[in-house]
Amino acid sequence: MTHFDTIFLVDDDPINNLINKRLLGKIGISENIVEFLEGEEALDKLNDFEPQHSLLIFLDINMPVLNGWEFLDKYLELYGHRSDKIVILSSSIDYQDRFKAQGYEIVSGFLEKPLTLGKIEEIRNQGIL
C-alpha cells in the first residue's frame, strides 16, 4: 500500500473525521492525518506543502460554505500542478454525483460513507493507494 506524507480529511462532520482518522491511523498509510471541517481551510493549508509532498485527500461533497465541487474547482485553479490523490467520500448515493466526479481528472475515486477497511482495500486494488 502506498504511504502518504499527509492525509487530509475534509468533512464538516467532526465525528466522521474522528472515526476516519482512527481507521486510517490503524492501517499506517500516513503518520500525519489532518482534519478540516471546511474546504477553504484545507485549501489554505495546501500552501504549507511542496508539490512533491505526497498527499491523499478524502473529500465530502455536501458541506456548507464551500462544497466538494467548489473545492475541486478551486483546487484546480490554485493547485492544478500538484499530483495529489483525491478520493470523494460522501453519503451521496446519487449516480449524477458519481458521474460528475468522473469529469474531474484529479478525482481518483468515489466512495460512499462510511469508510471501512473493505473500502480502503477496494481503492488499493484499483491502484489508488
N, C-alpha and C. Protein backbone atom coordinates (compact mmCIF):
# COMPACT_ATOMS: atom_id res chain seq x y z
N MET A 1 0.85 -1.18 0.00
CA MET A 1 0.00 0.00 0.00
C MET A 1 0.89 1.24 0.00
N THR A 2 0.52 2.21 -0.78
CA THR A 2 1.27 3.46 -0.86
C THR A 2 1.28 4.17 0.49
N HIS A 3 2.39 4.78 0.81
CA HIS A 3 2.49 5.60 2.02
C HIS A 3 2.42 7.06 1.60
N PHE A 4 1.62 7.84 2.30
CA PHE A 4 1.48 9.26 2.01
C PHE A 4 2.12 10.08 3.12
N ASP A 5 2.73 11.19 2.74
CA ASP A 5 3.29 12.09 3.75
C ASP A 5 2.19 12.64 4.65
N THR A 6 1.05 12.96 4.04
CA THR A 6 -0.07 13.56 4.78
C THR A 6 -1.39 13.11 4.18
N ILE A 7 -2.39 12.95 5.04
CA ILE A 7 -3.76 12.70 4.60
C ILE A 7 -4.62 13.85 5.12
N PHE A 8 -5.45 14.42 4.24
CA PHE A 8 -6.44 15.42 4.62
C PHE A 8 -7.81 14.74 4.68
N LEU A 9 -8.53 14.96 5.76
CA LEU A 9 -9.93 14.56 5.87
C LEU A 9 -10.75 15.84 5.83
N VAL A 10 -11.48 16.05 4.74
CA VAL A 10 -12.25 17.28 4.56
C VAL A 10 -13.73 16.92 4.63
N ASP A 11 -14.32 17.16 5.79
CA ASP A 11 -15.71 16.80 6.05
C ASP A 11 -16.23 17.69 7.17
N ASP A 12 -17.42 18.23 7.01
CA ASP A 12 -17.98 19.12 8.02
C ASP A 12 -18.49 18.38 9.26
N ASP A 13 -18.42 17.06 9.26
CA ASP A 13 -18.88 16.27 10.41
C ASP A 13 -17.67 15.81 11.22
N PRO A 14 -17.47 16.39 12.41
CA PRO A 14 -16.28 16.03 13.20
C PRO A 14 -16.26 14.57 13.64
N ILE A 15 -17.43 13.96 13.80
CA ILE A 15 -17.48 12.54 14.19
C ILE A 15 -16.95 11.67 13.05
N ASN A 16 -17.38 11.96 11.82
CA ASN A 16 -16.84 11.22 10.67
C ASN A 16 -15.33 11.37 10.59
N ASN A 17 -14.86 12.59 10.78
CA ASN A 17 -13.41 12.81 10.73
C ASN A 17 -12.68 12.01 11.80
N LEU A 18 -13.22 11.98 13.00
CA LEU A 18 -12.59 11.24 14.09
C LEU A 18 -12.53 9.74 13.78
N ILE A 19 -13.64 9.18 13.34
CA ILE A 19 -13.69 7.75 13.01
C ILE A 19 -12.72 7.43 11.88
N ASN A 20 -12.73 8.25 10.83
CA ASN A 20 -11.85 8.01 9.69
C ASN A 20 -10.38 8.17 10.07
N LYS A 21 -10.09 9.12 10.92
CA LYS A 21 -8.71 9.32 11.37
C LYS A 21 -8.21 8.09 12.12
N ARG A 22 -9.04 7.55 12.99
CA ARG A 22 -8.65 6.34 13.74
C ARG A 22 -8.44 5.15 12.81
N LEU A 23 -9.36 4.97 11.87
CA LEU A 23 -9.26 3.86 10.93
C LEU A 23 -8.00 3.97 10.08
N LEU A 24 -7.76 5.13 9.52
CA LEU A 24 -6.58 5.33 8.68
C LEU A 24 -5.30 5.23 9.50
N GLY A 25 -5.35 5.67 10.74
CA GLY A 25 -4.19 5.56 11.62
C GLY A 25 -3.82 4.11 11.88
N LYS A 26 -4.81 3.25 11.99
CA LYS A 26 -4.57 1.83 12.25
C LYS A 26 -3.87 1.13 11.09
N ILE A 27 -4.17 1.55 9.86
CA ILE A 27 -3.56 0.85 8.73
C ILE A 27 -2.20 1.42 8.35
N GLY A 28 -1.84 2.55 8.93
CA GLY A 28 -0.48 3.06 8.81
C GLY A 28 -0.05 3.58 7.45
N ILE A 29 -0.97 4.19 6.69
CA ILE A 29 -0.54 4.73 5.40
C ILE A 29 -0.02 6.16 5.52
N SER A 30 -0.14 6.75 6.70
CA SER A 30 0.43 8.07 6.97
C SER A 30 0.46 8.31 8.47
N GLU A 31 1.52 8.97 8.91
CA GLU A 31 1.60 9.36 10.32
C GLU A 31 0.97 10.72 10.56
N ASN A 32 0.69 11.43 9.48
CA ASN A 32 0.17 12.79 9.59
C ASN A 32 -1.22 12.87 8.95
N ILE A 33 -2.25 12.81 9.78
CA ILE A 33 -3.63 12.89 9.30
C ILE A 33 -4.24 14.16 9.87
N VAL A 34 -4.69 15.04 8.97
CA VAL A 34 -5.18 16.36 9.37
C VAL A 34 -6.67 16.46 9.02
N GLU A 35 -7.46 16.93 9.97
CA GLU A 35 -8.91 17.06 9.79
C GLU A 35 -9.28 18.51 9.50
N PHE A 36 -10.24 18.68 8.59
CA PHE A 36 -10.76 20.01 8.26
C PHE A 36 -12.28 19.94 8.22
N LEU A 37 -12.92 20.90 8.87
CA LEU A 37 -14.38 20.97 8.85
C LEU A 37 -14.88 21.82 7.69
N GLU A 38 -13.98 22.56 7.06
CA GLU A 38 -14.34 23.41 5.91
C GLU A 38 -13.29 23.24 4.81
N GLY A 39 -13.76 23.19 3.59
CA GLY A 39 -12.87 23.03 2.45
C GLY A 39 -11.88 24.16 2.29
N GLU A 40 -12.32 25.36 2.62
CA GLU A 40 -11.44 26.54 2.48
C GLU A 40 -10.20 26.40 3.36
N GLU A 41 -10.37 25.86 4.55
CA GLU A 41 -9.22 25.66 5.45
C GLU A 41 -8.22 24.68 4.84
N ALA A 42 -8.73 23.63 4.24
CA ALA A 42 -7.86 22.63 3.61
C ALA A 42 -7.10 23.25 2.44
N LEU A 43 -7.78 24.04 1.64
CA LEU A 43 -7.11 24.70 0.51
C LEU A 43 -6.01 25.64 1.01
N ASP A 44 -6.29 26.38 2.06
CA ASP A 44 -5.28 27.28 2.63
C ASP A 44 -4.08 26.51 3.15
N LYS A 45 -4.32 25.37 3.78
CA LYS A 45 -3.24 24.56 4.35
C LYS A 45 -2.33 23.98 3.27
N LEU A 46 -2.86 23.78 2.08
CA LEU A 46 -2.04 23.25 0.98
C LEU A 46 -0.84 24.13 0.68
N ASN A 47 -0.94 25.42 1.00
CA ASN A 47 0.19 26.33 0.79
C ASN A 47 1.41 25.92 1.59
N ASP A 48 1.21 25.16 2.67
CA ASP A 48 2.32 24.75 3.53
C ASP A 48 3.10 23.57 2.97
N PHE A 49 2.60 22.96 1.90
CA PHE A 49 3.22 21.73 1.38
C PHE A 49 3.81 21.95 0.00
N GLU A 50 5.01 21.43 -0.20
CA GLU A 50 5.65 21.46 -1.51
C GLU A 50 4.88 20.53 -2.46
N PRO A 51 4.90 20.82 -3.76
CA PRO A 51 4.17 19.97 -4.72
C PRO A 51 4.59 18.50 -4.69
N GLN A 52 5.84 18.21 -4.35
CA GLN A 52 6.29 16.82 -4.32
C GLN A 52 5.87 16.07 -3.05
N HIS A 53 5.31 16.79 -2.09
CA HIS A 53 4.80 16.19 -0.84
C HIS A 53 3.62 15.30 -1.19
N SER A 54 3.69 14.00 -0.88
CA SER A 54 2.60 13.09 -1.26
C SER A 54 1.41 13.27 -0.32
N LEU A 55 0.27 13.60 -0.92
CA LEU A 55 -0.92 13.97 -0.17
C LEU A 55 -2.12 13.20 -0.68
N LEU A 56 -2.88 12.64 0.24
CA LEU A 56 -4.14 11.97 -0.06
C LEU A 56 -5.25 12.79 0.59
N ILE A 57 -6.27 13.14 -0.19
CA ILE A 57 -7.38 13.95 0.32
C ILE A 57 -8.67 13.14 0.21
N PHE A 58 -9.33 12.93 1.35
CA PHE A 58 -10.68 12.37 1.37
C PHE A 58 -11.62 13.56 1.49
N LEU A 59 -12.51 13.72 0.50
CA LEU A 59 -13.32 14.93 0.37
C LEU A 59 -14.81 14.61 0.38
N ASP A 60 -15.54 15.25 1.28
CA ASP A 60 -17.00 15.15 1.29
C ASP A 60 -17.56 16.11 0.24
N ILE A 61 -18.72 15.80 -0.29
CA ILE A 61 -19.35 16.68 -1.29
C ILE A 61 -20.23 17.73 -0.62
N ASN A 62 -21.10 17.28 0.27
CA ASN A 62 -22.10 18.17 0.85
C ASN A 62 -21.59 18.82 2.13
N MET A 63 -21.08 20.04 1.96
CA MET A 63 -20.57 20.82 3.09
C MET A 63 -21.04 22.26 2.94
N PRO A 64 -21.25 22.95 4.06
CA PRO A 64 -21.61 24.36 3.98
C PRO A 64 -20.39 25.19 3.58
N VAL A 65 -20.59 26.40 3.26
CA VAL A 65 -19.57 27.38 2.88
C VAL A 65 -18.96 27.03 1.52
N LEU A 66 -18.20 25.96 1.45
CA LEU A 66 -17.54 25.54 0.21
C LEU A 66 -17.80 24.05 0.05
N ASN A 67 -18.65 23.68 -0.91
CA ASN A 67 -18.95 22.25 -1.06
C ASN A 67 -17.81 21.54 -1.81
N GLY A 68 -17.92 20.23 -1.92
CA GLY A 68 -16.85 19.46 -2.55
C GLY A 68 -16.57 19.85 -3.98
N TRP A 69 -17.60 20.17 -4.75
CA TRP A 69 -17.40 20.56 -6.16
C TRP A 69 -16.65 21.89 -6.23
N GLU A 70 -17.04 22.82 -5.37
CA GLU A 70 -16.35 24.12 -5.34
C GLU A 70 -14.91 23.94 -4.88
N PHE A 71 -14.68 23.03 -3.94
CA PHE A 71 -13.32 22.72 -3.51
C PHE A 71 -12.50 22.24 -4.70
N LEU A 72 -13.05 21.30 -5.47
CA LEU A 72 -12.32 20.77 -6.63
C LEU A 72 -12.00 21.86 -7.64
N ASP A 73 -12.96 22.74 -7.90
CA ASP A 73 -12.73 23.84 -8.85
C ASP A 73 -11.62 24.76 -8.36
N LYS A 74 -11.65 25.12 -7.08
CA LYS A 74 -10.60 25.99 -6.54
C LYS A 74 -9.26 25.27 -6.49
N TYR A 75 -9.29 23.99 -6.16
CA TYR A 75 -8.05 23.20 -6.15
C TYR A 75 -7.40 23.25 -7.53
N LEU A 76 -8.19 23.02 -8.56
CA LEU A 76 -7.66 23.05 -9.93
C LEU A 76 -7.08 24.42 -10.27
N GLU A 77 -7.78 25.45 -9.86
CA GLU A 77 -7.34 26.82 -10.13
C GLU A 77 -6.03 27.14 -9.42
N LEU A 78 -5.91 26.73 -8.17
CA LEU A 78 -4.76 27.10 -7.35
C LEU A 78 -3.63 26.07 -7.34
N TYR A 79 -4.00 24.80 -7.45
CA TYR A 79 -3.02 23.72 -7.24
C TYR A 79 -3.06 22.67 -8.34
N GLY A 80 -3.51 23.03 -9.50
CA GLY A 80 -3.63 22.08 -10.60
C GLY A 80 -2.32 21.42 -10.99
N HIS A 81 -1.21 22.02 -10.61
CA HIS A 81 0.12 21.47 -10.93
C HIS A 81 0.52 20.34 -9.99
N ARG A 82 -0.21 20.16 -8.90
CA ARG A 82 0.14 19.13 -7.92
C ARG A 82 -0.35 17.76 -8.39
N SER A 83 0.19 16.72 -7.81
CA SER A 83 -0.22 15.36 -8.18
C SER A 83 -0.83 14.62 -6.98
N ASP A 84 -1.61 15.33 -6.18
CA ASP A 84 -2.25 14.73 -5.02
C ASP A 84 -3.31 13.72 -5.47
N LYS A 85 -3.63 12.80 -4.57
CA LYS A 85 -4.73 11.86 -4.80
C LYS A 85 -5.95 12.39 -4.06
N ILE A 86 -7.07 12.54 -4.77
CA ILE A 86 -8.30 13.00 -4.15
C ILE A 86 -9.35 11.90 -4.31
N VAL A 87 -9.91 11.48 -3.18
CA VAL A 87 -10.98 10.48 -3.17
C VAL A 87 -12.20 11.13 -2.54
N ILE A 88 -13.30 11.13 -3.28
CA ILE A 88 -14.54 11.65 -2.72
C ILE A 88 -15.11 10.60 -1.78
N LEU A 89 -15.43 11.03 -0.57
CA LEU A 89 -16.02 10.17 0.45
C LEU A 89 -17.32 10.86 0.87
N SER A 90 -18.43 10.35 0.38
CA SER A 90 -19.70 11.07 0.55
C SER A 90 -20.83 10.12 0.93
N SER A 91 -21.84 10.68 1.56
CA SER A 91 -23.05 9.91 1.86
C SER A 91 -23.98 9.89 0.65
N SER A 92 -23.64 10.61 -0.39
CA SER A 92 -24.48 10.68 -1.58
C SER A 92 -24.50 9.34 -2.32
N ILE A 93 -25.71 8.90 -2.66
CA ILE A 93 -25.84 7.70 -3.48
C ILE A 93 -26.36 8.07 -4.87
N ASP A 94 -26.38 9.35 -5.16
CA ASP A 94 -26.87 9.87 -6.43
C ASP A 94 -25.88 9.54 -7.55
N TYR A 95 -26.35 8.84 -8.56
CA TYR A 95 -25.50 8.47 -9.69
C TYR A 95 -24.91 9.72 -10.36
N GLN A 96 -25.66 10.80 -10.38
CA GLN A 96 -25.18 12.03 -11.01
C GLN A 96 -23.92 12.56 -10.32
N ASP A 97 -23.82 12.38 -9.01
CA ASP A 97 -22.60 12.80 -8.31
C ASP A 97 -21.41 11.97 -8.75
N ARG A 98 -21.59 10.67 -8.88
CA ARG A 98 -20.50 9.80 -9.37
C ARG A 98 -20.09 10.22 -10.78
N PHE A 99 -21.09 10.47 -11.62
CA PHE A 99 -20.81 10.87 -13.00
C PHE A 99 -20.07 12.21 -13.03
N LYS A 100 -20.51 13.14 -12.22
CA LYS A 100 -19.86 14.45 -12.16
C LYS A 100 -18.41 14.30 -11.68
N ALA A 101 -18.19 13.44 -10.70
CA ALA A 101 -16.84 13.22 -10.17
C ALA A 101 -15.91 12.69 -11.26
N GLN A 102 -16.43 11.86 -12.15
CA GLN A 102 -15.62 11.31 -13.23
C GLN A 102 -15.15 12.40 -14.19
N GLY A 103 -15.84 13.53 -14.19
CA GLY A 103 -15.46 14.65 -15.04
C GLY A 103 -14.25 15.41 -14.53
N TYR A 104 -13.84 15.12 -13.32
CA TYR A 104 -12.65 15.75 -12.73
C TYR A 104 -11.49 14.77 -12.80
N GLU A 105 -10.51 15.07 -13.62
CA GLU A 105 -9.36 14.18 -13.75
C GLU A 105 -8.61 14.01 -12.44
N ILE A 106 -8.70 14.99 -11.57
CA ILE A 106 -7.97 14.92 -10.30
C ILE A 106 -8.63 14.00 -9.28
N VAL A 107 -9.87 13.57 -9.53
CA VAL A 107 -10.56 12.67 -8.61
C VAL A 107 -10.16 11.24 -8.94
N SER A 108 -9.52 10.60 -7.97
CA SER A 108 -9.03 9.23 -8.17
C SER A 108 -10.08 8.17 -7.86
N GLY A 109 -11.06 8.52 -7.01
CA GLY A 109 -12.06 7.54 -6.64
C GLY A 109 -13.25 8.18 -5.96
N PHE A 110 -14.31 7.39 -5.82
CA PHE A 110 -15.56 7.84 -5.19
C PHE A 110 -16.04 6.73 -4.28
N LEU A 111 -16.12 7.01 -2.99
CA LEU A 111 -16.58 6.03 -2.00
C LEU A 111 -17.78 6.58 -1.25
N GLU A 112 -18.70 5.67 -0.91
CA GLU A 112 -19.82 6.05 -0.06
C GLU A 112 -19.42 5.87 1.39
N LYS A 113 -19.87 6.81 2.22
CA LYS A 113 -19.66 6.69 3.66
C LYS A 113 -20.45 5.50 4.18
N PRO A 114 -19.99 4.85 5.20
CA PRO A 114 -18.79 5.14 5.97
C PRO A 114 -17.55 4.51 5.34
N LEU A 115 -16.40 5.06 5.67
CA LEU A 115 -15.13 4.48 5.24
C LEU A 115 -14.90 3.22 6.07
N THR A 116 -14.53 2.15 5.39
CA THR A 116 -14.27 0.87 6.07
C THR A 116 -12.96 0.29 5.56
N LEU A 117 -12.46 -0.71 6.26
CA LEU A 117 -11.26 -1.41 5.78
C LEU A 117 -11.50 -2.02 4.41
N GLY A 118 -12.70 -2.53 4.18
CA GLY A 118 -13.04 -3.11 2.88
C GLY A 118 -12.98 -2.08 1.76
N LYS A 119 -13.45 -0.88 2.03
CA LYS A 119 -13.41 0.17 1.00
C LYS A 119 -11.99 0.65 0.76
N ILE A 120 -11.19 0.67 1.80
CA ILE A 120 -9.78 1.03 1.64
C ILE A 120 -9.09 -0.03 0.78
N GLU A 121 -9.39 -1.28 1.03
CA GLU A 121 -8.83 -2.38 0.23
C GLU A 121 -9.28 -2.25 -1.23
N GLU A 122 -10.54 -1.87 -1.43
CA GLU A 122 -11.08 -1.69 -2.77
C GLU A 122 -10.30 -0.64 -3.56
N ILE A 123 -10.04 0.51 -2.95
CA ILE A 123 -9.30 1.54 -3.69
C ILE A 123 -7.82 1.19 -3.81
N ARG A 124 -7.32 0.39 -2.88
CA ARG A 124 -5.94 -0.09 -3.02
C ARG A 124 -5.84 -1.01 -4.23
N ASN A 125 -6.82 -1.90 -4.39
CA ASN A 125 -6.84 -2.82 -5.53
C ASN A 125 -7.01 -2.09 -6.86
N GLN A 126 -7.62 -0.92 -6.83
CA GLN A 126 -7.79 -0.10 -8.03
C GLN A 126 -6.53 0.71 -8.35
N GLY A 127 -5.52 0.60 -7.49
CA GLY A 127 -4.28 1.34 -7.72
C GLY A 127 -4.30 2.76 -7.21
N ILE A 128 -5.33 3.13 -6.46
CA ILE A 128 -5.41 4.49 -5.93
C ILE A 128 -4.48 4.65 -4.75
N LEU A 129 -4.38 3.61 -3.93
CA LEU A 129 -3.48 3.63 -2.78
C LEU A 129 -2.31 2.71 -3.05
